[in-house]
Amino acid sequence: FISGVTGRIGRILLNKIIQDPDLCLAGGSA
């Protein structure tokens, strides 16, 4: 889960998690 997903670092993390087959998204907040 990414808290602060809409910020600069949050968006970088979101992109990396989506691309990584060993990770999945539980959610994100702003």
PDB file of all heavy atoms in Angstrom:
ATOM      1  N   PHE A   1       0.866  -1.174   0.000  1.00  0.00           N
ATOM      2  CA  PHE A   1       0.000   0.000   0.000  1.00  0.00           C
ATOM      3  C   PHE A   1       0.902   1.224   0.000  1.00  0.00           C
ATOM      4  O   PHE A   1       1.825   1.317   0.804  1.00  0.00           O
ATOM      5  CB  PHE A   1      -0.895   0.016   1.241  1.00  0.00           C
ATOM      6  CG  PHE A   1      -1.879   1.151   1.249  1.00  0.00           C
ATOM      7  CD1 PHE A   1      -3.150   0.962   0.750  1.00  0.00           C
ATOM      8  CD2 PHE A   1      -1.521   2.397   1.740  1.00  0.00           C
ATOM      9  CE1 PHE A   1      -4.069   2.007   0.744  1.00  0.00           C
ATOM     10  CE2 PHE A   1      -2.421   3.441   1.737  1.00  0.00           C
ATOM     11  CZ  PHE A   1      -3.705   3.249   1.232  1.00  0.00           C
ATOM     12  N   ILE A   2       0.621   2.193  -0.894  1.00  0.00           N
ATOM     13  CA  ILE A   2       1.412   3.421  -0.971  1.00  0.00           C
ATOM     14  C   ILE A   2       0.590   4.587  -0.430  1.00  0.00           C
ATOM     15  O   ILE A   2      -0.413   4.973  -1.026  1.00  0.00           O
ATOM     16  CB  ILE A   2       1.838   3.733  -2.415  1.00  0.00           C
ATOM     17  CG1 ILE A   2       2.582   2.568  -3.043  1.00  0.00           C
ATOM     18  CG2 ILE A   2       2.704   5.004  -2.443  1.00  0.00           C
ATOM     19  CD1 ILE A   2       2.816   2.721  -4.536  1.00  0.00           C
ATOM     20  N   SER A   3       1.018   5.122   0.678  1.00  0.00           N
ATOM     21  CA  SER A   3       0.404   6.324   1.239  1.00  0.00           C
ATOM     22  C   SER A   3       1.149   7.515   0.644  1.00  0.00           C
ATOM     23  O   SER A   3       2.361   7.625   0.766  1.00  0.00           O
ATOM     24  CB  SER A   3       0.540   6.322   2.760  1.00  0.00           C
ATOM     25  OG  SER A   3       0.018   7.508   3.296  1.00  0.00           O
ATOM     26  N   GLY A   4       0.417   8.389  -0.026  1.00  0.00           N
ATOM     27  CA  GLY A   4       1.050   9.493  -0.741  1.00  0.00           C
ATOM     28  C   GLY A   4       1.338   9.133  -2.184  1.00  0.00           C
ATOM     29  O   GLY A   4       2.288   9.605  -2.788  1.00  0.00           O
ATOM     30  N   VAL A   5       0.493   8.284  -2.754  1.00  0.00           N
ATOM     31  CA  VAL A   5       0.718   7.729  -4.099  1.00  0.00           C
ATOM     32  C   VAL A   5       0.692   8.789  -5.197  1.00  0.00           C
ATOM     33  O   VAL A   5       1.278   8.578  -6.256  1.00  0.00           O
ATOM     34  CB  VAL A   5      -0.290   6.590  -4.394  1.00  0.00           C
ATOM     35  CG1 VAL A   5      -1.691   7.135  -4.621  1.00  0.00           C
ATOM     36  CG2 VAL A   5       0.167   5.739  -5.564  1.00  0.00           C
ATOM     37  N   THR A   6       0.061   9.931  -4.971  1.00  0.00           N
ATOM     38  CA  THR A   6      -0.039  10.941  -6.032  1.00  0.00           C
ATOM     39  C   THR A   6       1.148  11.897  -6.077  1.00  0.00           C
ATOM     40  O   THR A   6       1.273  12.683  -7.003  1.00  0.00           O
ATOM     41  CB  THR A   6      -1.336  11.761  -5.895  1.00  0.00           C
ATOM     42  OG1 THR A   6      -1.349  12.416  -4.631  1.00  0.00           O
ATOM     43  CG2 THR A   6      -2.553  10.865  -6.030  1.00  0.00           C
ATOM     44  N   GLY A   7       2.016  11.822  -5.093  1.00  0.00           N
ATOM     45  CA  GLY A   7       3.203  12.678  -5.074  1.00  0.00           C
ATOM     46  C   GLY A   7       4.283  12.157  -6.008  1.00  0.00           C
ATOM     47  O   GLY A   7       4.163  11.094  -6.623  1.00  0.00           O
ATOM     48  N   ARG A   8       5.373  12.913  -6.121  1.00  0.00           N
ATOM     49  CA  ARG A   8       6.459  12.556  -7.032  1.00  0.00           C
ATOM     50  C   ARG A   8       7.047  11.176  -6.726  1.00  0.00           C
ATOM     51  O   ARG A   8       7.137  10.324  -7.608  1.00  0.00           O
ATOM     52  CB  ARG A   8       7.554  13.622  -6.973  1.00  0.00           C
ATOM     53  CG  ARG A   8       8.636  13.441  -8.011  1.00  0.00           C
ATOM     54  CD  ARG A   8       9.583  14.622  -8.065  1.00  0.00           C
ATOM     55  NE  ARG A   8      10.115  14.989  -6.775  1.00  0.00           N
ATOM     56  CZ  ARG A   8      11.261  14.523  -6.277  1.00  0.00           C
ATOM     57  NH1 ARG A   8      11.987  13.680  -6.966  1.00  0.00           N
ATOM     58  NH2 ARG A   8      11.675  14.917  -5.098  1.00  0.00           N
ATOM     59  N   ILE A   9       7.412  10.935  -5.486  1.00  0.00           N
ATOM     60  CA  ILE A   9       7.992   9.640  -5.116  1.00  0.00           C
ATOM     61  C   ILE A   9       6.927   8.550  -5.133  1.00  0.00           C
ATOM     62  O   ILE A   9       7.184   7.418  -5.569  1.00  0.00           O
ATOM     63  CB  ILE A   9       8.665   9.709  -3.731  1.00  0.00           C
ATOM     64  CG1 ILE A   9       9.764  10.776  -3.712  1.00  0.00           C
ATOM     65  CG2 ILE A   9       9.216   8.344  -3.319  1.00  0.00           C
ATOM     66  CD1 ILE A   9      10.890  10.541  -4.711  1.00  0.00           C
ATOM     67  N   GLY A  10       5.720   8.858  -4.697  1.00  0.00           N
ATOM     68  CA  GLY A  10       4.625   7.891  -4.730  1.00  0.00           C
ATOM     69  C   GLY A  10       4.369   7.367  -6.135  1.00  0.00           C
ATOM     70  O   GLY A  10       4.143   6.175  -6.337  1.00  0.00           O
ATOM     71  N   ARG A  11       4.426   8.240  -7.119  1.00  0.00           N
ATOM     72  CA  ARG A  11       4.210   7.824  -8.514  1.00  0.00           C
ATOM     73  C   ARG A  11       5.357   6.959  -9.036  1.00  0.00           C
ATOM     74  O   ARG A  11       5.120   6.012  -9.780  1.00  0.00           O
ATOM     75  CB  ARG A  11       4.032   9.041  -9.409  1.00  0.00           C
ATOM     76  CG  ARG A  11       2.708   9.735  -9.199  1.00  0.00           C
ATOM     77  CD  ARG A  11       2.620  10.974 -10.067  1.00  0.00           C
ATOM     78  NE  ARG A  11       1.449  11.756  -9.732  1.00  0.00           N
ATOM     79  CZ  ARG A  11       0.559  12.172 -10.618  1.00  0.00           C
ATOM     80  NH1 ARG A  11       0.714  11.898 -11.895  1.00  0.00           N
ATOM     81  NH2 ARG A  11      -0.470  12.894 -10.242  1.00  0.00           N
ATOM     82  N   ILE A  12       6.565   7.272  -8.618  1.00  0.00           N
ATOM     83  CA  ILE A  12       7.713   6.431  -9.003  1.00  0.00           C
ATOM     84  C   ILE A  12       7.545   5.037  -8.416  1.00  0.00           C
ATOM     85  O   ILE A  12       7.721   4.029  -9.107  1.00  0.00           O
ATOM     86  CB  ILE A  12       9.041   7.069  -8.549  1.00  0.00           C
ATOM     87  CG1 ILE A  12       9.319   8.337  -9.357  1.00  0.00           C
ATOM     88  CG2 ILE A  12      10.198   6.071  -8.684  1.00  0.00           C
ATOM     89  CD1 ILE A  12      10.458   9.190  -8.824  1.00  0.00           C
ATOM     90  N   LEU A  13       7.184   4.973  -7.123  1.00  0.00           N
ATOM     91  CA  LEU A  13       6.961   3.677  -6.476  1.00  0.00           C
ATOM     92  C   LEU A  13       5.832   2.908  -7.149  1.00  0.00           C
ATOM     93  O   LEU A  13       5.946   1.699  -7.381  1.00  0.00           O
ATOM     94  CB  LEU A  13       6.622   3.883  -5.000  1.00  0.00           C
ATOM     95  CG  LEU A  13       7.760   4.355  -4.111  1.00  0.00           C
ATOM     96  CD1 LEU A  13       7.217   4.804  -2.764  1.00  0.00           C
ATOM     97  CD2 LEU A  13       8.782   3.254  -3.942  1.00  0.00           C
ATOM     98  N   LEU A  14       4.744   3.591  -7.460  1.00  0.00           N
ATOM     99  CA  LEU A  14       3.612   2.964  -8.133  1.00  0.00           C
ATOM    100  C   LEU A  14       4.052   2.307  -9.432  1.00  0.00           C
ATOM    101  O   LEU A  14       3.740   1.141  -9.690  1.00  0.00           O
ATOM    102  CB  LEU A  14       2.528   4.014  -8.402  1.00  0.00           C
ATOM    103  CG  LEU A  14       1.330   3.568  -9.239  1.00  0.00           C
ATOM    104  CD1 LEU A  14       0.552   2.471  -8.526  1.00  0.00           C
ATOM    105  CD2 LEU A  14       0.445   4.768  -9.549  1.00  0.00           C
ATOM    106  N   ASN A  15       4.792   3.030 -10.236  1.00  0.00           N
ATOM    107  CA  ASN A  15       5.259   2.498 -11.509  1.00  0.00           C
ATOM    108  C   ASN A  15       6.146   1.268 -11.316  1.00  0.00           C
ATOM    109  O   ASN A  15       5.996   0.260 -12.011  1.00  0.00           O
ATOM    110  CB  ASN A  15       6.005   3.583 -12.284  1.00  0.00           C
ATOM    111  CG  ASN A  15       6.376   3.135 -13.670  1.00  0.00           C
ATOM    112  OD1 ASN A  15       5.528   2.665 -14.426  1.00  0.00           O
ATOM    113  ND2 ASN A  15       7.631   3.260 -14.012  1.00  0.00           N
ATOM    114  N   LYS A  16       7.055   1.332 -10.366  1.00  0.00           N
ATOM    115  CA  LYS A  16       7.969   0.205 -10.113  1.00  0.00           C
ATOM    116  C   LYS A  16       7.207  -1.025  -9.609  1.00  0.00           C
ATOM    117  O   LYS A  16       7.507  -2.152  -9.995  1.00  0.00           O
ATOM    118  CB  LYS A  16       9.058   0.600  -9.110  1.00  0.00           C
ATOM    119  CG  LYS A  16       9.974   1.686  -9.602  1.00  0.00           C
ATOM    120  CD  LYS A  16      10.707   1.270 -10.854  1.00  0.00           C
ATOM    121  CE  LYS A  16      11.652   2.359 -11.301  1.00  0.00           C
ATOM    122  NZ  LYS A  16      12.290   2.063 -12.579  1.00  0.00           N
ATOM    123  N   ILE A  17       6.223  -0.821  -8.736  1.00  0.00           N
ATOM    124  CA  ILE A  17       5.451  -1.942  -8.206  1.00  0.00           C
ATOM    125  C   ILE A  17       4.638  -2.598  -9.314  1.00  0.00           C
ATOM    126  O   ILE A  17       4.569  -3.825  -9.403  1.00  0.00           O
ATOM    127  CB  ILE A  17       4.555  -1.490  -7.034  1.00  0.00           C
ATOM    128  CG1 ILE A  17       5.438  -1.112  -5.835  1.00  0.00           C
ATOM    129  CG2 ILE A  17       3.548  -2.573  -6.657  1.00  0.00           C
ATOM    130  CD1 ILE A  17       4.708  -0.375  -4.737  1.00  0.00           C
ATOM    131  N   ILE A  18       4.012  -1.792 -10.166  1.00  0.00           N
ATOM    132  CA  ILE A  18       3.233  -2.344 -11.278  1.00  0.00           C
ATOM    133  C   ILE A  18       4.115  -3.184 -12.194  1.00  0.00           C
ATOM    134  O   ILE A  18       3.696  -4.223 -12.692  1.00  0.00           O
ATOM    135  CB  ILE A  18       2.522  -1.218 -12.056  1.00  0.00           C
ATOM    136  CG1 ILE A  18       1.361  -0.670 -11.215  1.00  0.00           C
ATOM    137  CG2 ILE A  18       2.019  -1.704 -13.409  1.00  0.00           C
ATOM    138  CD1 ILE A  18       0.682   0.551 -11.809  1.00  0.00           C
ATOM    139  N   GLN A  19       5.359  -2.785 -12.390  1.00  0.00           N
ATOM    140  CA  GLN A  19       6.273  -3.490 -13.296  1.00  0.00           C
ATOM    141  C   GLN A  19       6.903  -4.737 -12.685  1.00  0.00           C
ATOM    142  O   GLN A  19       7.378  -5.601 -13.415  1.00  0.00           O
ATOM    143  CB  GLN A  19       7.400  -2.551 -13.736  1.00  0.00           C
ATOM    144  CG  GLN A  19       6.940  -1.438 -14.628  1.00  0.00           C
ATOM    145  CD  GLN A  19       8.083  -0.519 -15.029  1.00  0.00           C
ATOM    146  OE1 GLN A  19       9.245  -0.886 -14.975  1.00  0.00           O
ATOM    147  NE2 GLN A  19       7.747   0.688 -15.433  1.00  0.00           N
ATOM    148  N   ASP A  20       6.918  -4.842 -11.368  1.00  0.00           N
ATOM    149  CA  ASP A  20       7.612  -5.944 -10.703  1.00  0.00           C
ATOM    150  C   ASP A  20       6.676  -7.133 -10.505  1.00  0.00           C
ATOM    151  O   ASP A  20       5.680  -7.035  -9.804  1.00  0.00           O
ATOM    152  CB  ASP A  20       8.140  -5.473  -9.346  1.00  0.00           C
ATOM    153  CG  ASP A  20       9.106  -6.453  -8.711  1.00  0.00           C
ATOM    154  OD1 ASP A  20       8.862  -7.684  -8.787  1.00  0.00           O
ATOM    155  OD2 ASP A  20      10.100  -5.999  -8.127  1.00  0.00           O
ATOM    156  N   PRO A  21       7.001  -8.303 -11.097  1.00  0.00           N
ATOM    157  CA  PRO A  21       6.118  -9.468 -10.978  1.00  0.00           C
ATOM    158  C   PRO A  21       6.061 -10.069  -9.565  1.00  0.00           C
ATOM    159  O   PRO A  21       5.165 -10.846  -9.267  1.00  0.00           O
ATOM    160  CB  PRO A  21       6.718 -10.467 -11.965  1.00  0.00           C
ATOM    161  CG  PRO A  21       8.143 -10.061 -12.111  1.00  0.00           C
ATOM    162  CD  PRO A  21       8.174  -8.568 -11.923  1.00  0.00           C
ATOM    163  N   ASP A  22       6.988  -9.698  -8.688  1.00  0.00           N
ATOM    164  CA  ASP A  22       6.990 -10.210  -7.321  1.00  0.00           C
ATOM    165  C   ASP A  22       6.210  -9.319  -6.354  1.00  0.00           C
ATOM    166  O   ASP A  22       6.105  -9.636  -5.172  1.00  0.00           O
ATOM    167  CB  ASP A  22       8.422 -10.360  -6.811  1.00  0.00           C
ATOM    168  CG  ASP A  22       9.182 -11.437  -7.561  1.00  0.00           C
ATOM    169  OD1 ASP A  22       8.545 -12.439  -7.976  1.00  0.00           O
ATOM    170  OD2 ASP A  22      10.401 -11.284  -7.757  1.00  0.00           O
ATOM    171  N   LEU A  23       5.690  -8.200  -6.862  1.00  0.00           N
ATOM    172  CA  LEU A  23       4.951  -7.262  -6.020  1.00  0.00           C
ATOM    173  C   LEU A  23       3.557  -7.051  -6.582  1.00  0.00           C
ATOM    174  O   LEU A  23       3.333  -7.200  -7.778  1.00  0.00           O
ATOM    175  CB  LEU A  23       5.672  -5.913  -5.958  1.00  0.00           C
ATOM    176  CG  LEU A  23       7.101  -5.924  -5.435  1.00  0.00           C
ATOM    177  CD1 LEU A  23       7.718  -4.536  -5.560  1.00  0.00           C
ATOM    178  CD2 LEU A  23       7.156  -6.398  -3.999  1.00  0.00           C
ATOM    179  N   CYS A  24       2.634  -6.692  -5.709  1.00  0.00           N
ATOM    180  CA  CYS A  24       1.301  -6.305  -6.179  1.00  0.00           C
ATOM    181  C   CYS A  24       0.813  -5.137  -5.339  1.00  0.00           C
ATOM    182  O   CYS A  24       1.277  -4.908  -4.227  1.00  0.00           O
ATOM    183  CB  CYS A  24       0.328  -7.470  -6.157  1.00  0.00           C
ATOM    184  SG  CYS A  24      -0.186  -8.008  -4.535  1.00  0.00           S
ATOM    185  N   LEU A  25      -0.116  -4.392  -5.895  1.00  0.00           N
ATOM    186  CA  LEU A  25      -0.674  -3.234  -5.217  1.00  0.00           C
ATOM    187  C   LEU A  25      -1.818  -3.640  -4.304  1.00  0.00           C
ATOM    188  O   LEU A  25      -2.726  -4.350  -4.724  1.00  0.00           O
ATOM    189  CB  LEU A  25      -1.209  -2.237  -6.239  1.00  0.00           C
ATOM    190  CG  LEU A  25      -0.181  -1.480  -7.060  1.00  0.00           C
ATOM    191  CD1 LEU A  25      -0.858  -0.753  -8.205  1.00  0.00           C
ATOM    192  CD2 LEU A  25       0.573  -0.513  -6.174  1.00  0.00           C
ATOM    193  N   ALA A  26      -1.759  -3.186  -3.079  1.00  0.00           N
ATOM    194  CA  ALA A  26      -2.890  -3.352  -2.165  1.00  0.00           C
ATOM    195  C   ALA A  26      -3.770  -2.117  -2.233  1.00  0.00           C
ATOM    196  O   ALA A  26      -4.958  -2.176  -1.962  1.00  0.00           O
ATOM    197  CB  ALA A  26      -2.398  -3.562  -0.743  1.00  0.00           C
ATOM    198  N   GLY A  27      -3.172  -0.985  -2.592  1.00  0.00           N
ATOM    199  CA  GLY A  27      -3.920   0.262  -2.678  1.00  0.00           C
ATOM    200  C   GLY A  27      -2.992   1.448  -2.618  1.00  0.00           C
ATOM    201  O   GLY A  27      -1.777   1.318  -2.510  1.00  0.00           O
ATOM    202  N   GLY A  28      -3.605   2.611  -2.686  1.00  0.00           N
ATOM    203  CA  GLY A  28      -2.860   3.856  -2.612  1.00  0.00           C
ATOM    204  C   GLY A  28      -3.770   4.955  -2.101  1.00  0.00           C
ATOM    205  O   GLY A  28      -4.970   4.948  -2.361  1.00  0.00           O
ATOM    206  N   SER A  29      -3.185   5.881  -1.367  1.00  0.00           N
ATOM    207  CA  SER A  29      -3.990   6.966  -0.816  1.00  0.00           C
ATOM    208  C   SER A  29      -3.358   8.315  -1.083  1.00  0.00           C
ATOM    209  O   SER A  29      -2.158   8.423  -1.344  1.00  0.00           O
ATOM    210  CB  SER A  29      -4.197   6.779   0.693  1.00  0.00           C
ATOM    211  OG  SER A  29      -2.963   6.876   1.378  1.00  0.00           O
ATOM    212  N   ALA A  30      -4.205   9.327  -1.005  1.00  0.00           N
ATOM    213  CA  ALA A  30      -3.797  10.723  -1.136  1.00  0.00           C
ATOM    214  C   ALA A  30      -4.589  11.510  -0.099  1.00  0.00           C
ATOM    215  O   ALA A  30      -5.504  10.979   0.541  1.00  0.00           O
ATOM    216  CB  ALA A  30      -4.097  11.221  -2.540  1.00  0.00           C
TER     217      ALA A  30
END
